[in-house]
């Protein structure tokens, strides 16, 4: 097996801020919310534009890179 020195790293973009609806528990990226900022699941199911979200903490808050040569994912 050939050893890679991981000299060409590319930053993997971290996901946006995650929010969870307090009513239906839908977890969604903040950027994916519709124009009014309401929960799309509650709107579709009940016709109510609920804007009651709580932030979901990030899993580990670490920066991730991918090696361009071997494809390995490295966390720092």
PDB file of N, CA and C in Angstrom:
ATOM      1  N   UNK A   1       0.842  -1.174   0.000  1.00  0.00           N
ATOM      2  CA  UNK A   1       0.000   0.000   0.000  1.00  0.00           C
ATOM      3  C   UNK A   1       0.888   1.238   0.000  1.00  0.00           C
ATOM      4  N   UNK A   2       0.586   2.217  -0.845  1.00  0.00           N
ATOM      5  CA  UNK A   2       1.382   3.432  -0.953  1.00  0.00           C
ATOM      6  C   UNK A   2       0.927   4.425   0.114  1.00  0.00           C
ATOM      7  N   UNK A   3       1.903   5.006   0.807  1.00  0.00           N
ATOM      8  CA  UNK A   3       1.611   5.980   1.847  1.00  0.00           C
ATOM      9  C   UNK A   3       1.407   7.364   1.232  1.00  0.00           C
ATOM     10  N   UNK A   4       0.405   8.103   1.726  1.00  0.00           N
ATOM     11  CA  UNK A   4       0.119   9.447   1.234  1.00  0.00           C
ATOM     12  C   UNK A   4       0.494  10.448   2.318  1.00  0.00           C
ATOM     13  N   UNK A   5       1.160  11.515   1.933  1.00  0.00           N
ATOM     14  CA  UNK A   5       1.560  12.544   2.895  1.00  0.00           C
ATOM     15  C   UNK A   5       0.488  13.600   3.113  1.00  0.00           C
ATOM     16  N   UNK A   6      -0.659  13.480   2.432  1.00  0.00           N
ATOM     17  CA  UNK A   6      -1.773  14.429   2.547  1.00  0.00           C
ATOM     18  C   UNK A   6      -1.293  15.874   2.360  1.00  0.00           C
ATOM     19  N   UNK A   7      -0.634  16.128   1.245  1.00  0.00           N
ATOM     20  CA  UNK A   7      -0.090  17.453   0.971  1.00  0.00           C
ATOM     21  C   UNK A   7      -1.091  18.391   0.293  1.00  0.00           C
ATOM     22  N   UNK A   8      -2.116  17.847  -0.349  1.00  0.00           N
ATOM     23  CA  UNK A   8      -3.109  18.675  -1.046  1.00  0.00           C
ATOM     24  C   UNK A   8      -4.471  18.476  -0.388  1.00  0.00           C
ATOM     25  N   UNK A   9      -4.793  19.342   0.588  1.00  0.00           N
ATOM     26  CA  UNK A   9      -6.034  19.224   1.344  1.00  0.00           C
ATOM     27  C   UNK A   9      -7.058  20.250   0.873  1.00  0.00           C
ATOM     28  N   UNK A  10      -8.317  19.822   0.868  1.00  0.00           N
ATOM     29  CA  UNK A  10      -9.429  20.695   0.511  1.00  0.00           C
ATOM     30  C   UNK A  10     -10.351  20.770   1.717  1.00  0.00           C
ATOM     31  N   UNK A  11     -10.721  21.990   2.094  1.00  0.00           N
ATOM     32  CA  UNK A  11     -11.631  22.180   3.212  1.00  0.00           C
ATOM     33  C   UNK A  11     -13.028  21.705   2.828  1.00  0.00           C
ATOM     34  N   UNK A  12     -13.622  20.882   3.688  1.00  0.00           N
ATOM     35  CA  UNK A  12     -14.996  20.425   3.474  1.00  0.00           C
ATOM     36  C   UNK A  12     -15.888  21.407   4.217  1.00  0.00           C
ATOM     37  N   UNK A  13     -16.800  22.031   3.500  1.00  0.00           N
ATOM     38  CA  UNK A  13     -17.674  23.036   4.106  1.00  0.00           C
ATOM     39  C   UNK A  13     -18.523  22.401   5.197  1.00  0.00           C
ATOM     40  N   UNK A  14     -18.598  23.074   6.322  1.00  0.00           N
ATOM     41  CA  UNK A  14     -19.422  22.571   7.410  1.00  0.00           C
ATOM     42  C   UNK A  14     -20.876  22.877   7.117  1.00  0.00           C
ATOM     43  N   UNK A  15     -21.764  22.017   7.561  1.00  0.00           N
ATOM     44  CA  UNK A  15     -23.180  22.264   7.301  1.00  0.00           C
ATOM     45  C   UNK A  15     -23.645  23.524   8.004  1.00  0.00           C
ATOM     46  N   UNK A  16     -24.727  24.092   7.496  1.00  0.00           N
ATOM     47  CA  UNK A  16     -25.278  25.301   8.093  1.00  0.00           C
ATOM     48  C   UNK A  16     -25.854  25.033   9.464  1.00  0.00           C
ATOM     49  N   UNK A  17     -26.359  26.071  10.061  1.00  0.00           N
ATOM     50  CA  UNK A  17     -26.955  25.971  11.379  1.00  0.00           C
ATOM     51  C   UNK A  17     -28.225  25.125  11.294  1.00  0.00           C
ATOM     52  N   UNK A  18     -28.289  24.099  12.113  1.00  0.00           N
ATOM     53  CA  UNK A  18     -29.452  23.206  12.137  1.00  0.00           C
ATOM     54  C   UNK A  18     -30.468  23.696  13.169  1.00  0.00           C
ATOM     55  N   UNK A  19     -31.730  23.614  12.790  1.00  0.00           N
ATOM     56  CA  UNK A  19     -32.829  23.978  13.676  1.00  0.00           C
ATOM     57  C   UNK A  19     -33.804  22.814  13.759  1.00  0.00           C
ATOM     58  N   UNK A  20     -34.490  22.686  14.906  1.00  0.00           N
ATOM     59  CA  UNK A  20     -35.498  21.641  15.064  1.00  0.00           C
ATOM     60  C   UNK A  20     -36.812  22.283  15.472  1.00  0.00           C
ATOM     61  N   UNK A  21     -37.880  21.918  14.769  1.00  0.00           N
ATOM     62  CA  UNK A  21     -39.216  22.421  15.073  1.00  0.00           C
ATOM     63  C   UNK A  21     -39.652  21.857  16.426  1.00  0.00           C
ATOM     64  N   UNK A  22     -40.189  22.711  17.276  1.00  0.00           N
ATOM     65  CA  UNK A  22     -40.631  22.270  18.601  1.00  0.00           C
ATOM     66  C   UNK A  22     -41.950  21.498  18.556  1.00  0.00           C
ATOM     67  N   UNK A  23     -42.631  21.512  17.425  1.00  0.00           N
ATOM     68  CA  UNK A  23     -43.923  20.836  17.315  1.00  0.00           C
ATOM     69  C   UNK A  23     -43.803  19.470  16.644  1.00  0.00           C
ATOM     70  N   UNK A  24     -43.167  19.422  15.471  1.00  0.00           N
ATOM     71  CA  UNK A  24     -43.109  18.153  14.722  1.00  0.00           C
ATOM     72  C   UNK A  24     -41.716  17.516  14.766  1.00  0.00           C
ATOM     73  N   UNK A  25     -40.735  18.177  15.379  1.00  0.00           N
ATOM     74  CA  UNK A  25     -39.358  17.683  15.531  1.00  0.00           C
ATOM     75  C   UNK A  25     -38.585  17.606  14.215  1.00  0.00           C
ATOM     76  N   UNK A  26     -39.064  18.256  13.161  1.00  0.00           N
ATOM     77  CA  UNK A  26     -38.324  18.296  11.894  1.00  0.00           C
ATOM     78  C   UNK A  26     -36.996  19.008  12.138  1.00  0.00           C
ATOM     79  N   UNK A  27     -35.896  18.428  11.670  1.00  0.00           N
ATOM     80  CA  UNK A  27     -34.586  19.063  11.742  1.00  0.00           C
ATOM     81  C   UNK A  27     -34.226  19.529  10.342  1.00  0.00           C
ATOM     82  N   UNK A  28     -33.864  20.807  10.228  1.00  0.00           N
ATOM     83  CA  UNK A  28     -33.651  21.426   8.922  1.00  0.00           C
ATOM     84  C   UNK A  28     -32.535  22.462   9.032  1.00  0.00           C
ATOM     85  N   UNK A  29     -31.790  22.657   7.929  1.00  0.00           N
ATOM     86  CA  UNK A  29     -30.790  23.719   7.885  1.00  0.00           C
ATOM     87  C   UNK A  29     -31.500  25.060   7.835  1.00  0.00           C
ATOM     88  N   UNK A  30     -30.944  26.041   8.498  1.00  0.00           N
ATOM     89  CA  UNK A  30     -31.552  27.366   8.525  1.00  0.00           C
ATOM     90  C   UNK A  30     -31.723  27.934   7.119  1.00  0.00           C
ATOM     91  N   UNK A  31     -30.762  27.637   6.220  1.00  0.00           N
ATOM     92  CA  UNK A  31     -30.827  28.145   4.849  1.00  0.00           C
ATOM     93  C   UNK A  31     -31.959  27.517   4.042  1.00  0.00           C
ATOM     94  N   UNK A  32     -32.452  26.357   4.465  1.00  0.00           N
ATOM     95  CA  UNK A  32     -33.498  25.644   3.726  1.00  0.00           C
ATOM     96  C   UNK A  32     -34.912  26.076   4.104  1.00  0.00           C
ATOM     97  N   UNK A  33     -35.034  26.946   5.114  1.00  0.00           N
ATOM     98  CA  UNK A  33     -36.370  27.395   5.513  1.00  0.00           C
ATOM     99  C   UNK A  33     -36.988  28.221   4.400  1.00  0.00           C
ATOM    100  N   UNK A  34     -38.309  28.098   4.213  1.00  0.00           N
ATOM    101  CA  UNK A  34     -38.977  28.911   3.195  1.00  0.00           C
ATOM    102  C   UNK A  34     -38.876  30.396   3.534  1.00  0.00           C
ATOM    103  N   UNK A  35     -39.250  31.234   2.584  1.00  0.00           N
ATOM    104  CA  UNK A  35     -39.151  32.682   2.729  1.00  0.00           C
ATOM    105  C   UNK A  35     -39.701  33.248   4.025  1.00  0.00           C
ATOM    106  N   UNK A  36     -40.780  32.717   4.540  1.00  0.00           N
ATOM    107  CA  UNK A  36     -41.367  33.234   5.772  1.00  0.00           C
ATOM    108  C   UNK A  36     -40.701  32.715   7.032  1.00  0.00           C
ATOM    109  N   UNK A  37     -39.788  31.771   6.895  1.00  0.00           N
ATOM    110  CA  UNK A  37     -39.097  31.212   8.051  1.00  0.00           C
ATOM    111  C   UNK A  37     -39.935  30.242   8.857  1.00  0.00           C
ATOM    112  N   UNK A  38     -40.963  29.675   8.243  1.00  0.00           N
ATOM    113  CA  UNK A  38     -41.834  28.747   8.952  1.00  0.00           C
ATOM    114  C   UNK A  38     -41.426  27.297   8.672  1.00  0.00           C
ATOM    115  N   UNK A  39     -41.930  26.393   9.505  1.00  0.00           N
ATOM    116  CA  UNK A  39     -41.654  24.963   9.341  1.00  0.00           C
ATOM    117  C   UNK A  39     -42.446  24.427   8.154  1.00  0.00           C
ATOM    118  N   UNK A  40     -41.777  23.904   7.129  1.00  0.00           N
ATOM    119  CA  UNK A  40     -42.499  23.401   5.963  1.00  0.00           C
ATOM    120  C   UNK A  40     -43.337  22.156   6.268  1.00  0.00           C
ATOM    121  N   UNK A  41     -42.902  21.342   7.216  1.00  0.00           N
ATOM    122  CA  UNK A  41     -43.634  20.124   7.580  1.00  0.00           C
ATOM    123  C   UNK A  41     -44.954  20.462   8.266  1.00  0.00           C
ATOM    124  N   UNK A  42     -44.914  21.388   9.231  1.00  0.00           N
ATOM    125  CA  UNK A  42     -46.141  21.804   9.925  1.00  0.00           C
ATOM    126  C   UNK A  42     -47.096  22.492   8.958  1.00  0.00           C
ATOM    127  N   UNK A  43     -46.548  23.273   8.038  1.00  0.00           N
ATOM    128  CA  UNK A  43     -47.399  23.967   7.076  1.00  0.00           C
ATOM    129  C   UNK A  43     -48.102  22.982   6.147  1.00  0.00           C
ATOM    130  N   UNK A  44     -47.354  21.969   5.711  1.00  0.00           N
ATOM    131  CA  UNK A  44     -47.948  20.971   4.809  1.00  0.00           C
ATOM    132  C   UNK A  44     -48.983  20.104   5.532  1.00  0.00           C
ATOM    133  N   UNK A  45     -48.668  19.693   6.756  1.00  0.00           N
ATOM    134  CA  UNK A  45     -49.549  18.772   7.475  1.00  0.00           C
ATOM    135  C   UNK A  45     -50.764  19.463   8.097  1.00  0.00           C
ATOM    136  N   UNK A  46     -50.560  20.672   8.654  1.00  0.00           N
ATOM    137  CA  UNK A  46     -51.622  21.319   9.422  1.00  0.00           C
ATOM    138  C   UNK A  46     -52.069  22.669   8.861  1.00  0.00           C
ATOM    139  N   UNK A  47     -51.337  23.188   7.866  1.00  0.00           N
ATOM    140  CA  UNK A  47     -51.680  24.492   7.308  1.00  0.00           C
ATOM    141  C   UNK A  47     -51.327  25.647   8.233  1.00  0.00           C
ATOM    142  N   UNK A  48     -50.457  25.392   9.216  1.00  0.00           N
ATOM    143  CA  UNK A  48     -50.061  26.413  10.197  1.00  0.00           C
ATOM    144  C   UNK A  48     -48.604  26.789   9.956  1.00  0.00           C
ATOM    145  N   UNK A  49     -48.319  28.084   9.907  1.00  0.00           N
ATOM    146  CA  UNK A  49     -46.945  28.571   9.712  1.00  0.00           C
ATOM    147  C   UNK A  49     -46.274  28.738  11.077  1.00  0.00           C
ATOM    148  N   UNK A  50     -45.729  27.660  11.589  1.00  0.00           N
ATOM    149  CA  UNK A  50     -45.057  27.696  12.892  1.00  0.00           C
ATOM    150  C   UNK A  50     -43.603  28.121  12.718  1.00  0.00           C
ATOM    151  N   UNK A  51     -43.174  29.023  13.593  1.00  0.00           N
ATOM    152  CA  UNK A  51     -41.799  29.535  13.552  1.00  0.00           C
ATOM    153  C   UNK A  51     -41.078  29.256  14.869  1.00  0.00           C
ATOM    154  N   UNK A  52     -41.500  28.195  15.533  1.00  0.00           N
ATOM    155  CA  UNK A  52     -40.973  27.824  16.841  1.00  0.00           C
ATOM    156  C   UNK A  52     -39.855  26.801  16.688  1.00  0.00           C
ATOM    157  N   UNK A  53     -38.618  27.258  16.603  1.00  0.00           N
ATOM    158  CA  UNK A  53     -37.471  26.372  16.412  1.00  0.00           C
ATOM    159  C   UNK A  53     -36.501  26.500  17.576  1.00  0.00           C
ATOM    160  N   UNK A  54     -35.754  25.443  17.802  1.00  0.00           N
ATOM    161  CA  UNK A  54     -34.638  25.535  18.735  1.00  0.00           C
ATOM    162  C   UNK A  54     -33.390  25.038  18.021  1.00  0.00           C
ATOM    163  N   UNK A  55     -32.243  25.654  18.303  1.00  0.00           N
ATOM    164  CA  UNK A  55     -31.008  25.256  17.619  1.00  0.00           C
ATOM    165  C   UNK A  55     -30.564  23.856  18.043  1.00  0.00           C
ATOM    166  N   UNK A  56     -30.011  23.129  17.075  1.00  0.00           N
ATOM    167  CA  UNK A  56     -29.461  21.798  17.336  1.00  0.00           C
ATOM    168  C   UNK A  56     -27.946  21.964  17.443  1.00  0.00           C
ATOM    169  N   UNK A  57     -27.353  21.556  18.575  1.00  0.00           N
ATOM    170  CA  UNK A  57     -25.901  21.731  18.719  1.00  0.00           C
ATOM    171  C   UNK A  57     -25.131  20.902  17.698  1.00  0.00           C
ATOM    172  N   UNK A  58     -23.970  21.419  17.259  1.00  0.00           N
ATOM    173  CA  UNK A  58     -23.143  20.691  16.298  1.00  0.00           C
ATOM    174  C   UNK A  58     -22.594  19.434  16.952  1.00  0.00           C
ATOM    175  N   UNK A  59     -22.305  18.444  16.115  1.00  0.00           N
ATOM    176  CA  UNK A  59     -21.860  17.142  16.609  1.00  0.00           C
ATOM    177  C   UNK A  59     -20.512  17.245  17.310  1.00  0.00           C
ATOM    178  N   UNK A  60     -19.539  17.837  16.639  1.00  0.00           N
ATOM    179  CA  UNK A  60     -18.224  17.908  17.264  1.00  0.00           C
ATOM    180  C   UNK A  60     -17.534  19.251  17.051  1.00  0.00           C
ATOM    181  N   UNK A  61     -18.051  20.094  16.180  1.00  0.00           N
ATOM    182  CA  UNK A  61     -17.481  21.412  15.959  1.00  0.00           C
ATOM    183  C   UNK A  61     -16.069  21.399  15.380  1.00  0.00           C
ATOM    184  N   UNK A  62     -15.648  20.296  14.791  1.00  0.00           N
ATOM    185  CA  UNK A  62     -14.298  20.191  14.248  1.00  0.00           C
ATOM    186  C   UNK A  62     -14.285  20.510  12.760  1.00  0.00           C
ATOM    187  N   UNK A  63     -13.123  20.941  12.272  1.00  0.00           N
ATOM    188  CA  UNK A  63     -12.932  21.245  10.864  1.00  0.00           C
ATOM    189  C   UNK A  63     -12.534  19.970  10.133  1.00  0.00           C
ATOM    190  N   UNK A  64     -13.124  19.750   8.947  1.00  0.00           N
ATOM    191  CA  UNK A  64     -12.835  18.544   8.177  1.00  0.00           C
ATOM    192  C   UNK A  64     -12.186  18.920   6.847  1.00  0.00           C
ATOM    193  N   UNK A  65     -11.209  18.101   6.441  1.00  0.00           N
ATOM    194  CA  UNK A  65     -10.500  18.270   5.178  1.00  0.00           C
ATOM    195  C   UNK A  65     -10.536  16.960   4.416  1.00  0.00           C
ATOM    196  N   UNK A  66     -10.445  17.050   3.082  1.00  0.00           N
ATOM    197  CA  UNK A  66     -10.336  15.852   2.250  1.00  0.00           C
ATOM    198  C   UNK A  66      -9.044  15.951   1.474  1.00  0.00           C
ATOM    199  N   UNK A  67      -8.278  14.864   1.477  1.00  0.00           N
ATOM    200  CA  UNK A  67      -7.022  14.821   0.725  1.00  0.00           C
ATOM    201  C   UNK A  67      -7.351  14.645  -0.748  1.00  0.00           C
ATOM    202  N   UNK A  68      -6.832  15.552  -1.576  1.00  0.00           N
ATOM    203  CA  UNK A  68      -7.077  15.525  -3.018  1.00  0.00           C
ATOM    204  C   UNK A  68      -6.448  14.294  -3.672  1.00  0.00           C
ATOM    205  N   UNK A  69      -5.372  13.785  -3.097  1.00  0.00           N
ATOM    206  CA  UNK A  69      -4.647  12.656  -3.699  1.00  0.00           C
ATOM    207  C   UNK A  69      -5.272  11.298  -3.390  1.00  0.00           C
ATOM    208  N   UNK A  70      -5.592  11.062  -2.116  1.00  0.00           N
ATOM    209  CA  UNK A  70      -6.070   9.727  -1.741  1.00  0.00           C
ATOM    210  C   UNK A  70      -7.535   9.693  -1.321  1.00  0.00           C
ATOM    211  N   UNK A  71      -8.160  10.854  -1.093  1.00  0.00           N
ATOM    212  CA  UNK A  71      -9.577  10.898  -0.733  1.00  0.00           C
ATOM    213  C   UNK A  71      -9.857  10.735   0.749  1.00  0.00           C
ATOM    214  N   UNK A  72      -8.819  10.633   1.571  1.00  0.00           N
ATOM    215  CA  UNK A  72      -9.018  10.466   3.006  1.00  0.00           C
ATOM    216  C   UNK A  72      -9.647  11.721   3.604  1.00  0.00           C
ATOM    217  N   UNK A  73     -10.530  11.546   4.579  1.00  0.00           N
ATOM    218  CA  UNK A  73     -11.131  12.664   5.306  1.00  0.00           C
ATOM    219  C   UNK A  73     -10.403  12.806   6.626  1.00  0.00           C
ATOM    220  N   UNK A  74      -9.941  14.035   6.913  1.00  0.00           N
ATOM    221  CA  UNK A  74      -9.129  14.297   8.086  1.00  0.00           C
ATOM    222  C   UNK A  74      -9.841  15.358   8.923  1.00  0.00           C
ATOM    223  N   UNK A  75      -9.992  15.101  10.208  1.00  0.00           N
ATOM    224  CA  UNK A  75     -10.584  16.078  11.130  1.00  0.00           C
ATOM    225  C   UNK A  75      -9.489  16.729  11.937  1.00  0.00           C
ATOM    226  N   UNK A  76      -9.623  18.053  12.120  1.00  0.00           N
ATOM    227  CA  UNK A  76      -8.618  18.786  12.898  1.00  0.00           C
ATOM    228  C   UNK A  76      -9.293  19.630  13.948  1.00  0.00           C
TER     229      UNK A  76
END
